[in-house]
C-alpha atoms as a PDB file:
ATOM      1  CA  MET A   1       0.044   0.142  -0.216  1.00  0.00           C
ATOM      2  CA  ALA A   2       1.737   3.175  -1.502  1.00  0.00           C
ATOM      3  CA  ILE A   3       0.827   6.699  -1.022  1.00  0.00           C
ATOM      4  CA  THR A   4       1.844   9.167  -2.668  1.00  0.00           C
ATOM      5  CA  LYS A   5       1.599  12.578  -2.840  1.00  0.00           C
ATOM      6  CA  SER A   6       2.194  15.414  -5.981  1.00  0.00           C
ATOM      7  CA  THR A   7       1.898  18.676  -6.303  1.00  0.00           C
ATOM      8  CA  SER A   8       1.954  20.781  -9.736  1.00  0.00           C
ATOM      9  CA  ASN A   9       0.403  23.677 -11.550  1.00  0.00           C
ATOM     10  CA  GLU A  10      -1.864  23.329 -13.650  1.00  0.00           C
ATOM     11  CA  VAL A  11      -3.063  26.819 -14.918  1.00  0.00           C
ATOM     12  CA  ILE A  12      -0.484  29.646 -15.680  1.00  0.00           C
ATOM     13  CA  GLU A  13      -2.375  32.440 -16.811  1.00  0.00           C
ATOM     14  CA  ILE A  14      -1.841  36.224 -17.631  1.00  0.00           C
ATOM     15  CA  VAL A  15      -4.735  38.564 -16.556  1.00  0.00           C
ATOM     16  CA  GLY A  16      -5.378  42.455 -17.372  1.00  0.00           C
ATOM     17  CA  GLU A  17      -3.814  45.430 -18.120  1.00  0.00           C
ATOM     18  CA  HIS A  18      -0.977  44.899 -15.769  1.00  0.00           C
ATOM     19  CA  LYS A  19      -0.569  40.998 -17.025  1.00  0.00           C
ATOM     20  CA  LEU A  20      -1.587  39.605 -12.998  1.00  0.00           C
ATOM     21  CA  ILE A  21      -0.420  36.074 -13.217  1.00  0.00           C
ATOM     22  CA  GLY A  22      -2.608  33.491 -11.837  1.00  0.00           C
ATOM     23  CA  VAL A  23      -2.099  30.385 -11.139  1.00  0.00           C
ATOM     24  CA  LYS A  24      -4.502  27.019 -10.269  1.00  0.00           C
ATOM     25  CA  LYS A  25      -1.746  24.148  -8.108  1.00  0.00           C
ATOM     26  CA  VAL A  26      -3.336  21.035  -7.726  1.00  0.00           C
ATOM     27  CA  THR A  27      -2.436  18.500  -5.547  1.00  0.00           C
ATOM     28  CA  THR A  28      -2.959  14.800  -5.436  1.00  0.00           C
ATOM     29  CA  ILE A  29      -2.904  12.132  -3.187  1.00  0.00           C
ATOM     30  CA  ASN A  30      -2.423   8.720  -4.702  1.00  0.00           C
ATOM     31  CA  GLU A  31      -3.048   5.494  -3.628  1.00  0.00           C
ATOM     32  CA  ASP A  32      -1.694   2.151  -5.080  1.00  0.00           C
ATOM     33  CA  GLY A  33      -1.726   4.468  -8.418  1.00  0.00           C
ATOM     34  CA  ALA A  34      -5.293   5.249  -7.786  1.00  0.00           C
ATOM     35  CA  VAL A  35      -6.132   8.753  -7.207  1.00  0.00           C
ATOM     36  CA  ILE A  36      -7.617   9.440  -3.813  1.00  0.00           C
ATOM     37  CA  SER A  37      -7.938  12.809  -2.854  1.00  0.00           C
ATOM     38  CA  LYS A  38      -7.329  16.044  -5.485  1.00  0.00           C
ATOM     39  CA  SER A  39      -7.661  19.328  -4.456  1.00  0.00           C
ATOM     40  CA  ASN A  40      -7.260  22.575  -5.787  1.00  0.00           C
ATOM     41  CA  HIS A  41      -5.148  26.290  -4.703  1.00  0.00           C
ATOM     42  CA  ARG A  42      -5.292  29.300  -6.335  1.00  0.00           C
ATOM     43  CA  THR A  43      -3.205  32.284  -6.336  1.00  0.00           C
ATOM     44  CA  THR A  44      -2.025  35.462  -8.010  1.00  0.00           C
ATOM     45  CA  TYR A  45       0.645  37.611  -8.494  1.00  0.00           C
ATOM     46  CA  SER A  46       1.632  41.225  -9.382  1.00  0.00           C
ATOM     47  CA  PRO A  47       4.375  43.043 -11.129  1.00  0.00           C
ATOM     48  CA  ASP A  48       5.820  43.716  -7.938  1.00  0.00           C
ATOM     49  CA  THR A  49       6.413  40.118  -7.230  1.00  0.00           C
ATOM     50  CA  ASP A  50       9.871  38.703  -6.396  1.00  0.00           C
ATOM     51  CA  VAL A  51      10.418  36.586  -9.114  1.00  0.00           C
ATOM     52  CA  SER A  52      13.164  34.530  -7.490  1.00  0.00           C
ATOM     53  CA  THR A  53      10.166  33.542  -4.627  1.00  0.00           C
ATOM     54  CA  LEU A  54       7.973  31.495  -7.607  1.00  0.00           C
ATOM     55  CA  ASP A  55       8.596  28.037  -8.774  1.00  0.00           C
ATOM     56  CA  ALA A  56      10.313  27.621 -11.949  1.00  0.00           C
ATOM     57  CA  ASP A  57       7.836  27.334 -14.468  1.00  0.00           C
ATOM     58  CA  VAL A  58       5.628  30.638 -13.295  1.00  0.00           C
ATOM     59  CA  ALA A  59       9.137  32.476 -12.980  1.00  0.00           C
ATOM     60  CA  VAL A  60       9.856  31.874 -17.128  1.00  0.00           C
ATOM     61  CA  VAL A  61       6.014  33.420 -17.730  1.00  0.00           C
ATOM     62  CA  ALA A  62       7.015  36.201 -15.579  1.00  0.00           C
ATOM     63  CA  ASN A  63      10.195  37.383 -16.932  1.00  0.00           C
ATOM     64  CA  ALA A  64       8.491  36.798 -20.327  1.00  0.00           C
ATOM     65  CA  VAL A  65       5.712  39.117 -19.241  1.00  0.00           C
ATOM     66  CA  TRP A  66       6.791  41.524 -16.925  1.00  0.00           C
ATOM     67  CA  THR A  67       8.818  43.830 -18.908  1.00  0.00           C
ATOM     68  CA  GLN A  68      10.253  47.134 -17.555  1.00  0.00           C
ATOM     69  CA  ALA A  69       7.184  48.729 -19.347  1.00  0.00           C
ATOM     70  CA  VAL A  70       4.424  46.546 -17.236  1.00  0.00           C
ATOM     71  CA  LYS A  71       6.244  46.482 -13.432  1.00  0.00           C
ATOM     72  CA  ASP A  72       7.012  51.004 -14.549  1.00  0.00           C
ATOM     73  CA  ALA A  73       2.896  50.807 -15.528  1.00  0.00           C
ATOM     74  CA  TYR A  74       1.932  49.145 -12.213  1.00  0.00           C
ATOM     75  CA  GLN A  75       3.652  50.795 -10.092  1.00  0.00           C
ATOM     76  CA  ALA A  76       2.101  54.221 -11.255  1.00  0.00           C
ATOM     77  CA  TYR A  77      -1.178  52.606 -11.008  1.00  0.00           C
ATOM     78  CA  LEU A  78      -0.358  52.248  -7.336  1.00  0.00           C
ATOM     79  CA  ALA A  79       0.286  55.479  -6.814  1.00  0.00           C
ATOM     80  CA  THR A  80      -2.601  56.349  -7.702  1.00  0.00           C
ATOM     81  CA  LEU A  81      -4.270  53.989  -5.198  1.00  0.00           C
ATOM     82  CA  PRO A  82      -5.629  56.218  -1.680  1.00  0.00           C
ATOM     83  CA  GLN A  83      -3.729  55.308   1.235  1.00  0.00           C
ATOM     84  CA  PRO A  84      -5.149  54.141   4.019  1.00  0.00           C
ATOM     85  CA  ASP A  85      -4.900  55.838   6.984  1.00  0.00           C
ATOM     86  CA  PRO A  86      -2.729  54.405   9.792  1.00  0.00           C
ATOM     87  CA  VAL A  87      -4.152  52.324  12.647  1.00  0.00           C
ATOM     88  CA  ASP A  88      -2.881  53.703  16.059  1.00  0.00           C
ATOM     89  CA  TRP A  89      -3.411  51.244  18.256  1.00  0.00           C
END
């Protein structure tokens, strides 16, 4: 009775004007070659993400689409957003 666990990035997609990267990661548990459990996890990354922290396949996509122009446009967009008031504790 062998139980194995594998994780893979099933979907990597580029979304929107600022080239956000959406990733669907699937974790699969197998027992004797038969799938007994499967779960999904989704996450998104913005152009200000440190590429060295990404999975290799996601980093390849990030390096291809996050040009300096895309990063600069994203930072300019962030600068237009209202800043929250600081909270005093």
